[in-house]
Amino acid sequence: MKVNNCDRVTFEKHLANAYKKFEERSRYEWTLHLARYKKIANKSV
């Protein structure tokens, strides 16, 4: 069965690659700087 023109084998390869990237990136502590959105956030409150 194909969904969005993607067969099972292609999906499984993509999934394995995505998990590999996730595992690699999860080894690091990440920070997120949202200061540039402060004005927008204050308007919506």
PDB file of N, CA and C in Angstrom:
ATOM      1  N   MET A   1       0.838  -1.178   0.000  1.00  0.00           N
ATOM      2  CA  MET A   1       0.000   0.000   0.000  1.00  0.00           C
ATOM      3  C   MET A   1       0.890   1.250   0.000  1.00  0.00           C
ATOM      4  N   LYS A   2       0.486   2.246  -0.757  1.00  0.00           N
ATOM      5  CA  LYS A   2       1.220   3.502  -0.814  1.00  0.00           C
ATOM      6  C   LYS A   2       0.366   4.630  -0.251  1.00  0.00           C
ATOM      7  N   VAL A   3       1.008   5.484   0.512  1.00  0.00           N
ATOM      8  CA  VAL A   3       0.373   6.687   1.022  1.00  0.00           C
ATOM      9  C   VAL A   3       1.251   7.850   0.593  1.00  0.00           C
ATOM     10  N   ASN A   4       0.654   8.848  -0.017  1.00  0.00           N
ATOM     11  CA  ASN A   4       1.404   9.992  -0.535  1.00  0.00           C
ATOM     12  C   ASN A   4       2.527   9.546  -1.468  1.00  0.00           C
ATOM     13  N   ASN A   5       2.257   8.518  -2.238  1.00  0.00           N
ATOM     14  CA  ASN A   5       3.206   7.991  -3.223  1.00  0.00           C
ATOM     15  C   ASN A   5       4.479   7.438  -2.574  1.00  0.00           C
ATOM     16  N   CYS A   6       4.390   7.009  -1.333  1.00  0.00           N
ATOM     17  CA  CYS A   6       5.535   6.475  -0.598  1.00  0.00           C
ATOM     18  C   CYS A   6       5.245   5.022  -0.229  1.00  0.00           C
ATOM     19  N   ASP A   7       6.111   4.111  -0.670  1.00  0.00           N
ATOM     20  CA  ASP A   7       5.889   2.705  -0.330  1.00  0.00           C
ATOM     21  C   ASP A   7       6.466   2.379   1.049  1.00  0.00           C
ATOM     22  N   ARG A   8       6.203   1.193   1.521  1.00  0.00           N
ATOM     23  CA  ARG A   8       6.594   0.773   2.869  1.00  0.00           C
ATOM     24  C   ARG A   8       8.108   0.816   3.064  1.00  0.00           C
ATOM     25  N   VAL A   9       8.859   0.339   2.092  1.00  0.00           N
ATOM     26  CA  VAL A   9      10.322   0.290   2.200  1.00  0.00           C
ATOM     27  C   VAL A   9      10.900   1.700   2.330  1.00  0.00           C
ATOM     28  N   THR A  10      10.415   2.609   1.503  1.00  0.00           N
ATOM     29  CA  THR A  10      10.880   3.994   1.554  1.00  0.00           C
ATOM     30  C   THR A  10      10.550   4.616   2.902  1.00  0.00           C
ATOM     31  N   PHE A  11       9.338   4.347   3.396  1.00  0.00           N
ATOM     32  CA  PHE A  11       8.938   4.874   4.700  1.00  0.00           C
ATOM     33  C   PHE A  11       9.828   4.330   5.810  1.00  0.00           C
ATOM     34  N   GLU A  12      10.093   3.037   5.799  1.00  0.00           N
ATOM     35  CA  GLU A  12      10.922   2.423   6.843  1.00  0.00           C
ATOM     36  C   GLU A  12      12.325   3.020   6.848  1.00  0.00           C
ATOM     37  N   LYS A  13      12.892   3.277   5.677  1.00  0.00           N
ATOM     38  CA  LYS A  13      14.218   3.905   5.588  1.00  0.00           C
ATOM     39  C   LYS A  13      14.180   5.313   6.167  1.00  0.00           C
ATOM     40  N   HIS A  14      13.148   6.061   5.809  1.00  0.00           N
ATOM     41  CA  HIS A  14      13.008   7.426   6.325  1.00  0.00           C
ATOM     42  C   HIS A  14      12.847   7.416   7.842  1.00  0.00           C
ATOM     43  N   LEU A  15      12.025   6.520   8.353  1.00  0.00           N
ATOM     44  CA  LEU A  15      11.789   6.416   9.789  1.00  0.00           C
ATOM     45  C   LEU A  15      13.082   6.087  10.533  1.00  0.00           C
ATOM     46  N   ALA A  16      13.841   5.129  10.019  1.00  0.00           N
ATOM     47  CA  ALA A  16      15.106   4.754  10.656  1.00  0.00           C
ATOM     48  C   ALA A  16      16.068   5.941  10.681  1.00  0.00           C
ATOM     49  N   ASN A  17      16.127   6.679   9.587  1.00  0.00           N
ATOM     50  CA  ASN A  17      17.007   7.845   9.510  1.00  0.00           C
ATOM     51  C   ASN A  17      16.553   8.934  10.485  1.00  0.00           C
ATOM     52  N   ALA A  18      15.251   9.142  10.586  1.00  0.00           N
ATOM     53  CA  ALA A  18      14.717  10.156  11.503  1.00  0.00           C
ATOM     54  C   ALA A  18      15.046   9.808  12.952  1.00  0.00           C
ATOM     55  N   TYR A  19      14.906   8.548  13.329  1.00  0.00           N
ATOM     56  CA  TYR A  19      15.232   8.144  14.695  1.00  0.00           C
ATOM     57  C   TYR A  19      16.722   8.270  14.967  1.00  0.00           C
ATOM     58  N   LYS A  20      17.531   7.979  13.963  1.00  0.00           N
ATOM     59  CA  LYS A  20      18.981   8.116  14.096  1.00  0.00           C
ATOM     60  C   LYS A  20      19.345   9.576  14.394  1.00  0.00           C
ATOM     61  N   LYS A  21      18.741  10.499  13.650  1.00  0.00           N
ATOM     62  CA  LYS A  21      18.979  11.931  13.881  1.00  0.00           C
ATOM     63  C   LYS A  21      18.481  12.344  15.264  1.00  0.00           C
ATOM     64  N   PHE A  22      17.302  11.849  15.642  1.00  0.00           N
ATOM     65  CA  PHE A  22      16.734  12.172  16.948  1.00  0.00           C
ATOM     66  C   PHE A  22      17.667  11.721  18.070  1.00  0.00           C
ATOM     67  N   GLU A  23      18.160  10.503  17.979  1.00  0.00           N
ATOM     68  CA  GLU A  23      19.062   9.975  18.999  1.00  0.00           C
ATOM     69  C   GLU A  23      20.337  10.811  19.078  1.00  0.00           C
ATOM     70  N   GLU A  24      20.886  11.174  17.939  1.00  0.00           N
ATOM     71  CA  GLU A  24      22.115  11.970  17.900  1.00  0.00           C
ATOM     72  C   GLU A  24      21.884  13.358  18.502  1.00  0.00           C
ATOM     73  N   ARG A  25      20.804  14.003  18.118  1.00  0.00           N
ATOM     74  CA  ARG A  25      20.521  15.361  18.595  1.00  0.00           C
ATOM     75  C   ARG A  25      20.104  15.386  20.057  1.00  0.00           C
ATOM     76  N   SER A  26      19.590  14.278  20.557  1.00  0.00           N
ATOM     77  CA  SER A  26      19.155  14.212  21.952  1.00  0.00           C
ATOM     78  C   SER A  26      20.327  14.121  22.922  1.00  0.00           C
ATOM     79  N   ARG A  27      21.510  13.929  22.413  1.00  0.00           N
ATOM     80  CA  ARG A  27      22.695  13.858  23.274  1.00  0.00           C
ATOM     81  C   ARG A  27      23.103  15.229  23.800  1.00  0.00           C
ATOM     82  N   TYR A  28      22.574  16.269  23.202  1.00  0.00           N
ATOM     83  CA  TYR A  28      22.955  17.629  23.555  1.00  0.00           C
ATOM     84  C   TYR A  28      21.827  18.335  24.291  1.00  0.00           C
ATOM     85  N   GLU A  29      22.210  19.285  25.134  1.00  0.00           N
ATOM     86  CA  GLU A  29      21.211  20.122  25.781  1.00  0.00           C
ATOM     87  C   GLU A  29      21.002  21.343  24.893  1.00  0.00           C
ATOM     88  N   TRP A  30      19.760  21.590  24.535  1.00  0.00           N
ATOM     89  CA  TRP A  30      19.437  22.678  23.623  1.00  0.00           C
ATOM     90  C   TRP A  30      18.797  23.823  24.382  1.00  0.00           C
ATOM     91  N   THR A  31      19.030  25.032  23.882  1.00  0.00           N
ATOM     92  CA  THR A  31      18.352  26.206  24.427  1.00  0.00           C
ATOM     93  C   THR A  31      17.598  26.884  23.293  1.00  0.00           C
ATOM     94  N   LEU A  32      16.554  27.560  23.663  1.00  0.00           N
ATOM     95  CA  LEU A  32      15.714  28.230  22.678  1.00  0.00           C
ATOM     96  C   LEU A  32      15.549  29.685  23.096  1.00  0.00           C
ATOM     97  N   HIS A  33      15.930  30.591  22.217  1.00  0.00           N
ATOM     98  CA  HIS A  33      15.845  32.019  22.503  1.00  0.00           C
ATOM     99  C   HIS A  33      14.653  32.600  21.752  1.00  0.00           C
ATOM    100  N   LEU A  34      13.674  33.058  22.499  1.00  0.00           N
ATOM    101  CA  LEU A  34      12.439  33.569  21.902  1.00  0.00           C
ATOM    102  C   LEU A  34      12.269  35.074  22.086  1.00  0.00           C
ATOM    103  N   ALA A  35      13.322  35.776  22.432  1.00  0.00           N
ATOM    104  CA  ALA A  35      13.236  37.214  22.693  1.00  0.00           C
ATOM    105  C   ALA A  35      12.665  37.981  21.504  1.00  0.00           C
ATOM    106  N   ARG A  36      12.969  37.561  20.307  1.00  0.00           N
ATOM    107  CA  ARG A  36      12.495  38.292  19.132  1.00  0.00           C
ATOM    108  C   ARG A  36      10.969  38.234  18.988  1.00  0.00           C
ATOM    109  N   TYR A  37      10.320  37.312  19.672  1.00  0.00           N
ATOM    110  CA  TYR A  37       8.866  37.170  19.584  1.00  0.00           C
ATOM    111  C   TYR A  37       8.139  37.769  20.787  1.00  0.00           C
ATOM    112  N   LYS A  38       8.867  38.448  21.649  1.00  0.00           N
ATOM    113  CA  LYS A  38       8.286  38.985  22.877  1.00  0.00           C
ATOM    114  C   LYS A  38       7.120  39.935  22.591  1.00  0.00           C
ATOM    115  N   LYS A  39       7.275  40.820  21.630  1.00  0.00           N
ATOM    116  CA  LYS A  39       6.211  41.778  21.310  1.00  0.00           C
ATOM    117  C   LYS A  39       4.951  41.067  20.827  1.00  0.00           C
ATOM    118  N   ILE A  40       5.116  40.067  20.017  1.00  0.00           N
ATOM    119  CA  ILE A  40       3.974  39.312  19.496  1.00  0.00           C
ATOM    120  C   ILE A  40       3.263  38.576  20.630  1.00  0.00           C
ATOM    121  N   ALA A  41       4.030  37.954  21.503  1.00  0.00           N
ATOM    122  CA  ALA A  41       3.457  37.189  22.609  1.00  0.00           C
ATOM    123  C   ALA A  41       2.687  38.097  23.555  1.00  0.00           C
ATOM    124  N   ASN A  42       3.200  39.275  23.816  1.00  0.00           N
ATOM    125  CA  ASN A  42       2.523  40.200  24.727  1.00  0.00           C
ATOM    126  C   ASN A  42       1.203  40.699  24.151  1.00  0.00           C
ATOM    127  N   LYS A  43       1.105  40.813  22.844  1.00  0.00           N
ATOM    128  CA  LYS A  43      -0.127  41.281  22.213  1.00  0.00           C
ATOM    129  C   LYS A  43      -1.244  40.249  22.321  1.00  0.00           C
ATOM    130  N   SER A  44      -0.879  38.980  22.315  1.00  0.00           N
ATOM    131  CA  SER A  44      -1.898  37.935  22.302  1.00  0.00           C
ATOM    132  C   SER A  44      -2.419  37.588  23.691  1.00  0.00           C
ATOM    133  N   VAL A  45      -1.828  38.144  24.720  1.00  0.00           N
ATOM    134  CA  VAL A  45      -2.248  37.828  26.095  1.00  0.00           C
ATOM    135  C   VAL A  45      -3.327  38.768  26.555  1.00  0.00           C
TER     136      VAL A  45
END
